[in-house]
PDB file of N, CA and C in Angstrom:
ATOM      1  N   MET A   1       0.813  -1.268   0.099  1.00  0.00           N
ATOM      2  CA  MET A   1       0.017   0.227  -0.050  1.00  0.00           C
ATOM      3  C   MET A   1       0.983   1.211   0.064  1.00  0.00           C
ATOM      4  N   LYS A   2       0.477   2.121  -0.771  1.00  0.00           N
ATOM      5  CA  LYS A   2       1.183   3.225  -0.866  1.00  0.00           C
ATOM      6  C   LYS A   2       0.409   4.263  -0.062  1.00  0.00           C
ATOM      7  N   ILE A   3       0.992   5.232   0.431  1.00  0.00           N
ATOM      8  CA  ILE A   3       0.298   6.517   1.212  1.00  0.00           C
ATOM      9  C   ILE A   3       0.851   7.751   0.926  1.00  0.00           C
ATOM     10  N   ALA A   4       0.148   8.591   0.116  1.00  0.00           N
ATOM     11  CA  ALA A   4       0.568   9.989  -0.113  1.00  0.00           C
ATOM     12  C   ALA A   4      -0.093  11.124   0.753  1.00  0.00           C
ATOM     13  N   ILE A   5       0.883  12.144   1.468  1.00  0.00           N
ATOM     14  CA  ILE A   5       0.184  12.801   2.317  1.00  0.00           C
ATOM     15  C   ILE A   5       0.542  14.635   1.636  1.00  0.00           C
ATOM     16  N   ASP A   6      -0.709  15.193   1.378  1.00  0.00           N
ATOM     17  CA  ASP A   6      -0.537  16.589   0.601  1.00  0.00           C
ATOM     18  C   ASP A   6      -1.139  17.544   1.506  1.00  0.00           C
ATOM     19  N   LYS A   7      -0.598  18.402   2.584  1.00  0.00           N
ATOM     20  CA  LYS A   7      -1.391  18.953   3.284  1.00  0.00           C
ATOM     21  C   LYS A   7      -2.037  18.137   4.240  1.00  0.00           C
ATOM     22  N   ASN A   8      -3.695  18.404   4.052  1.00  0.00           N
ATOM     23  CA  ASN A   8      -4.584  17.639   4.928  1.00  0.00           C
ATOM     24  C   ASN A   8      -5.430  16.582   4.609  1.00  0.00           C
ATOM     25  N   ILE A   9      -4.796  16.229   2.968  1.00  0.00           N
ATOM     26  CA  ILE A   9      -5.400  14.875   2.207  1.00  0.00           C
ATOM     27  C   ILE A   9      -4.521  14.072   2.396  1.00  0.00           C
ATOM     28  N   VAL A  10      -4.944  12.880   2.934  1.00  0.00           N
ATOM     29  CA  VAL A  10      -4.236  11.876   2.792  1.00  0.00           C
ATOM     30  C   VAL A  10      -4.763  10.523   1.854  1.00  0.00           C
ATOM     31  N   GLU A  11      -4.082   9.959   0.947  1.00  0.00           N
ATOM     32  CA  GLU A  11      -4.548   9.250  -0.183  1.00  0.00           C
ATOM     33  C   GLU A  11      -3.922   7.843  -0.056  1.00  0.00           C
ATOM     34  N   PHE A  12      -4.615   6.686   0.097  1.00  0.00           N
ATOM     35  CA  PHE A  12      -4.065   5.429  -0.215  1.00  0.00           C
ATOM     36  C   PHE A  12      -4.213   4.866  -1.281  1.00  0.00           C
ATOM     37  N   THR A  13      -2.934   4.165  -1.851  1.00  0.00           N
ATOM     38  CA  THR A  13      -3.328   3.382  -2.872  1.00  0.00           C
ATOM     39  C   THR A  13      -2.979   2.258  -3.000  1.00  0.00           C
ATOM     40  N   MET A  14      -4.061   0.957  -3.366  1.00  0.00           N
ATOM     41  CA  MET A  14      -3.705  -0.083  -2.616  1.00  0.00           C
ATOM     42  C   MET A  14      -2.488  -0.920  -3.758  1.00  0.00           C
ATOM     43  N   GLU A  15      -2.096  -1.924  -3.481  1.00  0.00           N
ATOM     44  CA  GLU A  15      -1.158  -2.461  -4.157  1.00  0.00           C
ATOM     45  C   GLU A  15      -1.336  -4.110  -4.572  1.00  0.00           C
ATOM     46  N   ASN A  16      -2.582  -4.812  -4.495  1.00  0.00           N
ATOM     47  CA  ASN A  16      -2.835  -5.854  -4.247  1.00  0.00           C
ATOM     48  C   ASN A  16      -4.602  -6.275  -3.672  1.00  0.00           C
ATOM     49  N   PRO A  17      -5.196  -7.124  -4.527  1.00  0.00           N
ATOM     50  CA  PRO A  17      -6.277  -7.441  -4.042  1.00  0.00           C
ATOM     51  C   PRO A  17      -6.745  -7.556  -2.569  1.00  0.00           C
ATOM     52  N   GLN A  18      -5.825  -8.180  -1.861  1.00  0.00           N
ATOM     53  CA  GLN A  18      -6.177  -8.235  -0.070  1.00  0.00           C
ATOM     54  C   GLN A  18      -6.149  -6.806   0.432  1.00  0.00           C
ATOM     55  N   GLU A  19      -5.315  -5.890  -0.040  1.00  0.00           N
ATOM     56  CA  GLU A  19      -5.560  -4.580   0.590  1.00  0.00           C
ATOM     57  C   GLU A  19      -6.784  -3.596  -0.227  1.00  0.00           C
ATOM     58  N   THR A  20      -7.140  -3.899  -1.482  1.00  0.00           N
ATOM     59  CA  THR A  20      -8.398  -3.232  -1.902  1.00  0.00           C
ATOM     60  C   THR A  20      -9.709  -4.080  -1.048  1.00  0.00           C
ATOM     61  N   THR A  21      -9.531  -5.559  -0.787  1.00  0.00           N
ATOM     62  CA  THR A  21     -10.741  -5.920   0.044  1.00  0.00           C
ATOM     63  C   THR A  21     -10.562  -4.986   1.049  1.00  0.00           C
ATOM     64  N   ASP A  22      -9.596  -5.065   2.236  1.00  0.00           N
ATOM     65  CA  ASP A  22      -9.340  -4.486   3.296  1.00  0.00           C
ATOM     66  C   ASP A  22      -9.685  -3.098   3.151  1.00  0.00           C
ATOM     67  N   MET A  23      -9.642  -2.168   2.494  1.00  0.00           N
ATOM     68  CA  MET A  23      -9.729  -0.872   2.426  1.00  0.00           C
ATOM     69  C   MET A  23     -11.432  -0.528   2.171  1.00  0.00           C
ATOM     70  N   GLU A  24     -11.833  -1.450   1.367  1.00  0.00           N
ATOM     71  CA  GLU A  24     -13.518  -1.545   1.353  1.00  0.00           C
ATOM     72  C   GLU A  24     -14.077  -1.621   2.308  1.00  0.00           C
ATOM     73  N   VAL A  25     -13.627  -2.702   3.302  1.00  0.00           N
ATOM     74  CA  VAL A  25     -14.466  -2.682   4.791  1.00  0.00           C
ATOM     75  C   VAL A  25     -14.138  -1.701   5.538  1.00  0.00           C
ATOM     76  N   LEU A  26     -12.766  -1.350   5.418  1.00  0.00           N
ATOM     77  CA  LEU A  26     -12.493  -0.302   6.259  1.00  0.00           C
ATOM     78  C   LEU A  26     -13.424   0.842   5.743  1.00  0.00           C
ATOM     79  N   TRP A  27     -13.565   1.219   4.283  1.00  0.00           N
ATOM     80  CA  TRP A  27     -14.604   2.517   3.812  1.00  0.00           C
ATOM     81  C   TRP A  27     -15.749   2.151   4.496  1.00  0.00           C
ATOM     82  N   ARG A  28     -16.675   0.975   4.413  1.00  0.00           N
ATOM     83  CA  ARG A  28     -17.743   0.698   4.807  1.00  0.00           C
ATOM     84  C   ARG A  28     -17.992   1.077   6.185  1.00  0.00           C
ATOM     85  N   LEU A  29     -16.950   0.626   7.238  1.00  0.00           N
ATOM     86  CA  LEU A  29     -16.955   1.142   8.786  1.00  0.00           C
ATOM     87  C   LEU A  29     -17.249   2.388   8.808  1.00  0.00           C
ATOM     88  N   LEU A  30     -16.147   3.236   8.388  1.00  0.00           N
ATOM     89  CA  LEU A  30     -16.213   4.699   8.180  1.00  0.00           C
ATOM     90  C   LEU A  30     -17.018   5.694   7.555  1.00  0.00           C
ATOM     91  N   VAL A  31     -17.660   5.217   6.732  1.00  0.00           N
ATOM     92  CA  VAL A  31     -18.424   6.050   5.852  1.00  0.00           C
ATOM     93  C   VAL A  31     -19.666   6.117   5.911  1.00  0.00           C
ATOM     94  N   ASP A  32     -20.995   6.620   6.536  1.00  0.00           N
ATOM     95  CA  ASP A  32     -22.249   6.609   6.369  1.00  0.00           C
ATOM     96  C   ASP A  32     -23.001   7.591   5.552  1.00  0.00           C
ATOM     97  N   CYS A  33     -23.367   7.386   4.421  1.00  0.00           N
ATOM     98  CA  CYS A  33     -24.354   8.022   3.766  1.00  0.00           C
ATOM     99  C   CYS A  33     -25.514   8.688   4.047  1.00  0.00           C
ATOM    100  N   VAL A  34     -26.016   8.339   5.360  1.00  0.00           N
ATOM    101  CA  VAL A  34     -27.031   8.810   5.996  1.00  0.00           C
ATOM    102  C   VAL A  34     -26.656   9.860   7.106  1.00  0.00           C
ATOM    103  N   ALA A  35     -26.126   9.082   7.984  1.00  0.00           N
ATOM    104  CA  ALA A  35     -25.829   9.806   9.340  1.00  0.00           C
ATOM    105  C   ALA A  35     -24.176  10.312   9.229  1.00  0.00           C
ATOM    106  N   ASP A  36     -23.632  10.662  10.491  1.00  0.00           N
ATOM    107  CA  ASP A  36     -22.049  10.799  10.411  1.00  0.00           C
ATOM    108  C   ASP A  36     -21.416  10.134  10.262  1.00  0.00           C
ATOM    109  N   ASN A  37     -20.070  10.254   9.575  1.00  0.00           N
ATOM    110  CA  ASN A  37     -19.150   9.272   9.301  1.00  0.00           C
ATOM    111  C   ASN A  37     -18.397   9.468  10.674  1.00  0.00           C
ATOM    112  N   LYS A  38     -17.779   7.657  10.571  1.00  0.00           N
ATOM    113  CA  LYS A  38     -16.714   7.925  11.848  1.00  0.00           C
ATOM    114  C   LYS A  38     -15.347   8.111  11.679  1.00  0.00           C
ATOM    115  N   ARG A  39     -14.758   8.503  13.127  1.00  0.00           N
ATOM    116  CA  ARG A  39     -13.482   8.955  12.646  1.00  0.00           C
ATOM    117  C   ARG A  39     -12.520   7.715  13.236  1.00  0.00           C
ATOM    118  N   MET A  40     -11.443   7.740  12.797  1.00  0.00           N
ATOM    119  CA  MET A  40     -10.200   6.723  13.199  1.00  0.00           C
ATOM    120  C   MET A  40      -9.246   7.724  14.131  1.00  0.00           C
ATOM    121  N   GLU A  41      -9.008   7.540  15.332  1.00  0.00           N
ATOM    122  CA  GLU A  41      -8.133   8.045  16.065  1.00  0.00           C
ATOM    123  C   GLU A  41      -6.461   7.153  16.482  1.00  0.00           C
ATOM    124  N   PRO A  42      -5.859   7.762  16.441  1.00  0.00           N
ATOM    125  CA  PRO A  42      -4.518   7.063  16.614  1.00  0.00           C
ATOM    126  C   PRO A  42      -4.765   6.227  18.068  1.00  0.00           C
ATOM    127  N   ILE A  43      -4.103   5.422  18.382  1.00  0.00           N
ATOM    128  CA  ILE A  43      -3.639   4.743  19.551  1.00  0.00           C
ATOM    129  C   ILE A  43      -2.474   4.469  19.960  1.00  0.00           C
ATOM    130  N   GLY A  44      -1.715   4.407  20.980  1.00  0.00           N
ATOM    131  CA  GLY A  44      -0.504   3.651  21.197  1.00  0.00           C
ATOM    132  C   GLY A  44       0.455   4.801  20.286  1.00  0.00           C
ATOM    133  N   GLU A  45       1.842   3.727  20.251  1.00  0.00           N
ATOM    134  CA  GLU A  45       2.865   4.569  19.377  1.00  0.00           C
ATOM    135  C   GLU A  45       2.841   3.900  18.423  1.00  0.00           C
ATOM    136  N   TYR A  46       3.600   4.673  16.948  1.00  0.00           N
ATOM    137  CA  TYR A  46       4.177   4.277  16.002  1.00  0.00           C
ATOM    138  C   TYR A  46       5.546   4.515  16.381  1.00  0.00           C
ATOM    139  N   ILE A  47       6.511   3.590  16.436  1.00  0.00           N
ATOM    140  CA  ILE A  47       8.106   3.878  16.275  1.00  0.00           C
ATOM    141  C   ILE A  47       8.172   2.394  15.509  1.00  0.00           C
ATOM    142  N   PRO A  48       8.609   2.808  14.210  1.00  0.00           N
ATOM    143  CA  PRO A  48       9.061   1.452  13.360  1.00  0.00           C
ATOM    144  C   PRO A  48      10.325   0.880  13.610  1.00  0.00           C
ATOM    145  N   ALA A  49      10.892   1.771  14.324  1.00  0.00           N
ATOM    146  CA  ALA A  49      12.247   0.673  14.771  1.00  0.00           C
ATOM    147  C   ALA A  49      11.877  -0.495  15.802  1.00  0.00           C
ATOM    148  N   LYS A  50      10.585   0.024  16.726  1.00  0.00           N
ATOM    149  CA  LYS A  50      10.452  -0.992  17.737  1.00  0.00           C
ATOM    150  C   LYS A  50       9.301  -1.860  17.132  1.00  0.00           C
ATOM    151  N   SER A  51       8.687  -1.553  16.554  1.00  0.00           N
ATOM    152  CA  SER A  51       7.028  -2.031  15.898  1.00  0.00           C
ATOM    153  C   SER A  51       6.784  -1.654  14.935  1.00  0.00           C
ATOM    154  N   ASN A  52       6.762  -2.249  13.801  1.00  0.00           N
ATOM    155  CA  ASN A  52       6.303  -1.406  12.491  1.00  0.00           C
ATOM    156  C   ASN A  52       4.606  -1.724  11.726  1.00  0.00           C
ATOM    157  N   VAL A  53       3.777  -1.546  12.996  1.00  0.00           N
ATOM    158  CA  VAL A  53       2.494  -1.605  13.096  1.00  0.00           C
ATOM    159  C   VAL A  53       1.623  -0.022  13.839  1.00  0.00           C
ATOM    160  N   ALA A  54       0.909   0.422  13.166  1.00  0.00           N
ATOM    161  CA  ALA A  54       0.490   1.373  13.331  1.00  0.00           C
ATOM    162  C   ALA A  54      -1.172   1.148  13.656  1.00  0.00           C
ATOM    163  N   ARG A  55      -1.405   1.369  15.135  1.00  0.00           N
ATOM    164  CA  ARG A  55      -3.142   1.247  15.383  1.00  0.00           C
ATOM    165  C   ARG A  55      -4.173   2.615  15.631  1.00  0.00           C
ATOM    166  N   PHE A  56      -5.428   2.340  15.416  1.00  0.00           N
ATOM    167  CA  PHE A  56      -6.207   3.009  15.331  1.00  0.00           C
ATOM    168  C   PHE A  56      -7.436   2.431  16.173  1.00  0.00           C
ATOM    169  N   VAL A  57      -8.180   3.117  16.483  1.00  0.00           N
ATOM    170  CA  VAL A  57      -9.651   3.124  17.224  1.00  0.00           C
ATOM    171  C   VAL A  57     -10.421   3.781  16.309  1.00  0.00           C
ATOM    172  N   ILE A  58     -11.840   2.846  15.984  1.00  0.00           N
ATOM    173  CA  ILE A  58     -12.672   3.928  14.838  1.00  0.00           C
ATOM    174  C   ILE A  58     -13.654   4.041  16.055  1.00  0.00           C
ATOM    175  N   GLU A  59     -14.184   5.518  16.026  1.00  0.00           N
ATOM    176  CA  GLU A  59     -15.006   5.731  16.903  1.00  0.00           C
ATOM    177  C   GLU A  59     -16.371   5.364  16.793  1.00  0.00           C
ATOM    178  N   GLY A  60     -17.060   5.058  17.401  1.00  0.00           N
ATOM    179  CA  GLY A  60     -18.604   4.488  17.533  1.00  0.00           C
ATOM    180  C   GLY A  60     -18.761   3.313  17.229  1.00  0.00           C
ATOM    181  N   VAL A  61     -17.527   2.392  17.072  1.00  0.00           N
ATOM    182  CA  VAL A  61     -17.869   0.811  16.455  1.00  0.00           C
ATOM    183  C   VAL A  61     -17.598   0.336  18.247  1.00  0.00           C
ATOM    184  N   PRO A  62     -18.449  -0.414  18.372  1.00  0.00           N
ATOM    185  CA  PRO A  62     -18.083  -1.187  19.549  1.00  0.00           C
ATOM    186  C   PRO A  62     -17.194  -2.118  19.817  1.00  0.00           C
ATOM    187  N   ALA A  63     -15.915  -2.310  20.811  1.00  0.00           N
ATOM    188  CA  ALA A  63     -14.928  -3.219  20.902  1.00  0.00           C
ATOM    189  C   ALA A  63     -15.463  -4.511  20.767  1.00  0.00           C
ATOM    190  N   LYS A  64     -16.805  -4.691  21.919  1.00  0.00           N
ATOM    191  CA  LYS A  64     -16.955  -6.371  21.893  1.00  0.00           C
ATOM    192  C   LYS A  64     -17.783  -6.613  20.670  1.00  0.00           C
ATOM    193  N   THR A  65     -18.114  -7.892  20.561  1.00  0.00           N
ATOM    194  CA  THR A  65     -18.888  -8.496  19.744  1.00  0.00           C
ATOM    195  C   THR A  65     -20.474  -8.273  20.163  1.00  0.00           C
ATOM    196  N   VAL A  66     -21.035  -7.688  19.012  1.00  0.00           N
ATOM    197  CA  VAL A  66     -22.652  -7.492  19.225  1.00  0.00           C
ATOM    198  C   VAL A  66     -23.454  -8.373  18.493  1.00  0.00           C
ATOM    199  N   TYR A  67     -24.165  -9.213  19.640  1.00  0.00           N
ATOM    200  CA  TYR A  67     -25.342 -10.391  18.937  1.00  0.00           C
ATOM    201  C   TYR A  67     -26.563  -9.856  18.552  1.00  0.00           C
ATOM    202  N   THR A  68     -27.517 -10.364  17.856  1.00  0.00           N
ATOM    203  CA  THR A  68     -28.748 -10.313  17.743  1.00  0.00           C
ATOM    204  C   THR A  68     -29.637 -11.225  18.624  1.00  0.00           C
ATOM    205  N   ASP A  69     -30.868 -11.049  18.680  1.00  0.00           N
ATOM    206  CA  ASP A  69     -31.526 -12.072  19.546  1.00  0.00           C
ATOM    207  C   ASP A  69     -32.071 -13.046  19.120  1.00  0.00           C
ATOM    208  N   ASP A  70     -31.615 -13.628  17.591  1.00  0.00           N
ATOM    209  CA  ASP A  70     -31.652 -14.591  17.051  1.00  0.00           C
ATOM    210  C   ASP A  70     -31.146 -15.806  17.377  1.00  0.00           C
ATOM    211  N   GLN A  71     -31.305 -17.059  17.496  1.00  0.00           N
ATOM    212  CA  GLN A  71     -30.417 -17.654  17.830  1.00  0.00           C
ATOM    213  C   GLN A  71     -30.609 -18.855  16.830  1.00  0.00           C
ATOM    214  N   VAL A  72     -29.617 -19.761  16.392  1.00  0.00           N
ATOM    215  CA  VAL A  72     -29.333 -20.974  15.652  1.00  0.00           C
ATOM    216  C   VAL A  72     -30.087 -21.867  16.173  1.00  0.00           C
ATOM    217  N   GLN A  73     -30.869 -23.067  15.108  1.00  0.00           N
ATOM    218  CA  GLN A  73     -31.335 -23.941  15.863  1.00  0.00           C
ATOM    219  C   GLN A  73     -30.281 -25.179  15.821  1.00  0.00           C
ATOM    220  N   GLU A  74     -29.633 -25.222  15.040  1.00  0.00           N
ATOM    221  CA  GLU A  74     -28.364 -26.471  14.730  1.00  0.00           C
ATOM    222  C   GLU A  74     -26.999 -25.560  14.477  1.00  0.00           C
ATOM    223  N   GLU A  75     -25.872 -26.346  14.595  1.00  0.00           N
ATOM    224  CA  GLU A  75     -24.783 -25.930  14.131  1.00  0.00           C
ATOM    225  C   GLU A  75     -24.509 -25.493  13.297  1.00  0.00           C
ATOM    226  N   CYS A  76     -24.169 -24.456  12.890  1.00  0.00           N
ATOM    227  CA  CYS A  76     -23.712 -23.726  11.547  1.00  0.00           C
ATOM    228  C   CYS A  76     -22.433 -23.110  11.603  1.00  0.00           C
ATOM    229  N   THR A  77     -22.278 -22.420  10.355  1.00  0.00           N
ATOM    230  CA  THR A  77     -21.089 -21.639  10.234  1.00  0.00           C
ATOM    231  C   THR A  77     -22.111 -19.908   9.486  1.00  0.00           C
ATOM    232  N   VAL A  78     -21.959 -19.268  10.191  1.00  0.00           N
ATOM    233  CA  VAL A  78     -22.206 -18.017   9.484  1.00  0.00           C
ATOM    234  C   VAL A  78     -21.152 -17.004   8.982  1.00  0.00           C
ATOM    235  N   VAL A  79     -21.633 -16.462   7.947  1.00  0.00           N
ATOM    236  CA  VAL A  79     -20.932 -15.016   7.155  1.00  0.00           C
ATOM    237  C   VAL A  79     -21.057 -13.718   7.247  1.00  0.00           C
ATOM    238  N   CYS A  80     -20.026 -12.917   7.402  1.00  0.00           N
ATOM    239  CA  CYS A  80     -20.287 -11.181   7.283  1.00  0.00           C
ATOM    240  C   CYS A  80     -20.201 -11.025   5.531  1.00  0.00           C
ATOM    241  N   MET A  81     -21.532 -10.743   4.956  1.00  0.00           N
ATOM    242  CA  MET A  81     -21.329 -10.315   3.518  1.00  0.00           C
ATOM    243  C   MET A  81     -20.547  -9.360   2.913  1.00  0.00           C
ATOM    244  N   ILE A  82     -20.130  -8.624   4.055  1.00  0.00           N
ATOM    245  CA  ILE A  82     -19.311  -7.493   3.586  1.00  0.00           C
ATOM    246  C   ILE A  82     -18.016  -7.694   3.864  1.00  0.00           C
ATOM    247  N   CYS A  83     -17.294  -8.187   4.883  1.00  0.00           N
ATOM    248  CA  CYS A  83     -15.975  -8.550   5.001  1.00  0.00           C
ATOM    249  C   CYS A  83     -15.692  -9.711   5.019  1.00  0.00           C
ATOM    250  N   ASN A  84     -16.493 -10.714   4.699  1.00  0.00           N
ATOM    251  CA  ASN A  84     -16.226 -12.234   4.542  1.00  0.00           C
ATOM    252  C   ASN A  84     -15.661 -12.961   5.873  1.00  0.00           C
ATOM    253  N   LYS A  85     -15.898 -12.228   6.895  1.00  0.00           N
ATOM    254  CA  LYS A  85     -15.417 -13.027   8.252  1.00  0.00           C
ATOM    255  C   LYS A  85     -16.121 -14.167   8.294  1.00  0.00           C
ATOM    256  N   TYR A  86     -15.940 -15.361   8.684  1.00  0.00           N
ATOM    257  CA  TYR A  86     -16.493 -16.643   9.263  1.00  0.00           C
ATOM    258  C   TYR A  86     -16.676 -16.611  11.004  1.00  0.00           C
ATOM    259  N   ALA A  87     -17.983 -17.114  11.627  1.00  0.00           N
ATOM    260  CA  ALA A  87     -17.741 -17.459  12.836  1.00  0.00           C
ATOM    261  C   ALA A  87     -18.524 -19.043  12.529  1.00  0.00           C
ATOM    262  N   HIS A  88     -18.200 -20.206  13.637  1.00  0.00           N
ATOM    263  CA  HIS A  88     -18.482 -21.337  13.696  1.00  0.00           C
ATOM    264  C   HIS A  88     -19.499 -21.220  14.850  1.00  0.00           C
ATOM    265  N   LEU A  89     -20.869 -21.705  14.843  1.00  0.00           N
ATOM    266  CA  LEU A  89     -22.065 -21.289  16.206  1.00  0.00           C
ATOM    267  C   LEU A  89     -22.396 -22.867  16.227  1.00  0.00           C
ATOM    268  N   LYS A  90     -22.592 -23.021  17.759  1.00  0.00           N
ATOM    269  CA  LYS A  90     -23.325 -23.962  17.999  1.00  0.00           C
ATOM    270  C   LYS A  90     -24.849 -24.014  18.357  1.00  0.00           C
ATOM    271  N   SER A  91     -25.787 -25.028  18.331  1.00  0.00           N
ATOM    272  CA  SER A  91     -27.151 -24.865  18.691  1.00  0.00           C
ATOM    273  C   SER A  91     -27.358 -23.964  19.722  1.00  0.00           C
ATOM    274  N   GLY A  92     -28.501 -23.143  19.766  1.00  0.00           N
ATOM    275  CA  GLY A  92     -28.694 -22.161  20.574  1.00  0.00           C
ATOM    276  C   GLY A  92     -27.854 -20.736  20.844  1.00  0.00           C
ATOM    277  N   ASP A  93     -26.905 -20.799  20.111  1.00  0.00           N
ATOM    278  CA  ASP A  93     -25.721 -19.720  19.945  1.00  0.00           C
ATOM    279  C   ASP A  93     -26.769 -18.515  19.446  1.00  0.00           C
ATOM    280  N   SER A  94     -26.353 -17.179  19.807  1.00  0.00           N
ATOM    281  CA  SER A  94     -26.967 -16.474  18.982  1.00  0.00           C
ATOM    282  C   SER A  94     -26.095 -15.483  17.966  1.00  0.00           C
ATOM    283  N   VAL A  95     -26.714 -15.148  16.939  1.00  0.00           N
ATOM    284  CA  VAL A  95     -25.897 -14.829  15.615  1.00  0.00           C
ATOM    285  C   VAL A  95     -25.366 -13.338  16.041  1.00  0.00           C
ATOM    286  N   PRO A  96     -24.083 -13.276  15.687  1.00  0.00           N
ATOM    287  CA  PRO A  96     -23.287 -12.231  15.850  1.00  0.00           C
ATOM    288  C   PRO A  96     -23.652 -11.072  14.759  1.00  0.00           C
ATOM    289  N   VAL A  97     -23.524  -9.919  15.176  1.00  0.00           N
ATOM    290  CA  VAL A  97     -23.369  -8.737  14.123  1.00  0.00           C
ATOM    291  C   VAL A  97     -22.016  -8.132  13.577  1.00  0.00           C
ATOM    292  N   CYS A  98     -21.638  -8.185  12.094  1.00  0.00           N
ATOM    293  CA  CYS A  98     -20.532  -7.858  11.882  1.00  0.00           C
ATOM    294  C   CYS A  98     -20.573  -6.982  10.643  1.00  0.00           C
ATOM    295  N   CYS A  99     -19.701  -5.607  10.791  1.00  0.00           N
ATOM    296  CA  CYS A  99     -19.859  -4.548   9.633  1.00  0.00           C
ATOM    297  C   CYS A  99     -21.263  -3.907   9.833  1.00  0.00           C
ATOM    298  N   GLY A 100     -21.808  -3.993  10.651  1.00  0.00           N
ATOM    299  CA  GLY A 100     -23.596  -3.147  11.135  1.00  0.00           C
ATOM    300  C   GLY A 100     -24.251  -4.288  10.789  1.00  0.00           C
ATOM    301  N   LYS A 101     -24.505  -5.693  10.345  1.00  0.00           N
ATOM    302  CA  LYS A 101     -25.925  -6.433   9.608  1.00  0.00           C
ATOM    303  C   LYS A 101     -25.402  -7.901  10.346  1.00  0.00           C
ATOM    304  N   PRO A 102     -26.754  -8.406  10.950  1.00  0.00           N
ATOM    305  CA  PRO A 102     -26.601  -9.835  11.366  1.00  0.00           C
ATOM    306  C   PRO A 102     -25.694 -10.722  10.237  1.00  0.00           C
ATOM    307  N   MET A 103     -24.755 -11.736  10.531  1.00  0.00           N
ATOM    308  CA  MET A 103     -23.809 -12.618   9.989  1.00  0.00           C
ATOM    309  C   MET A 103     -24.889 -13.462   9.133  1.00  0.00           C
ATOM    310  N   GLU A 104     -24.787 -13.803   8.093  1.00  0.00           N
ATOM    311  CA  GLU A 104     -25.959 -14.921   7.601  1.00  0.00           C
ATOM    312  C   GLU A 104     -25.212 -16.674   7.563  1.00  0.00           C
ATOM    313  N   GLU A 105     -26.526 -17.368   7.500  1.00  0.00           N
ATOM    314  CA  GLU A 105     -25.945 -18.830   7.392  1.00  0.00           C
ATOM    315  C   GLU A 105     -25.399 -19.229   6.004  1.00  0.00           C
ATOM    316  N   VAL A 106     -24.313 -19.887   5.968  1.00  0.00           N
ATOM    317  CA  VAL A 106     -23.728 -20.244   4.945  1.00  0.00           C
ATOM    318  C   VAL A 106     -24.404 -21.800   4.744  1.00  0.00           C
ATOM    319  N   ASP A 107     -24.982 -22.083   3.481  1.00  0.00           N
ATOM    320  CA  ASP A 107     -25.477 -23.133   3.163  1.00  0.00           C
ATOM    321  C   ASP A 107     -24.473 -24.562   3.229  1.00  0.00           C
TER     322      ASP A 107
END
């Protein structure tokens, strides 16, 4: 991924399909066409000699997994249709919410 900074504009250029997919998920988390967009705030420190990882928190996105009131009747796998995250559920487990929508059962 390339990052270009021009005054107050930051531009990300994805260099492979995985980065494109990851940016699409991030974009959907941050951008809300109806309400306010969410903000990313830096957390911790970024010292490349120590660790080449920069971390951010997204304001307004819960840190813990949120579940619906719906429960699965039998053991199954569910998927987020936005970010493709999978979860294996046992009978009676509640359906998790991912990317703002309930995860869907995989056939």
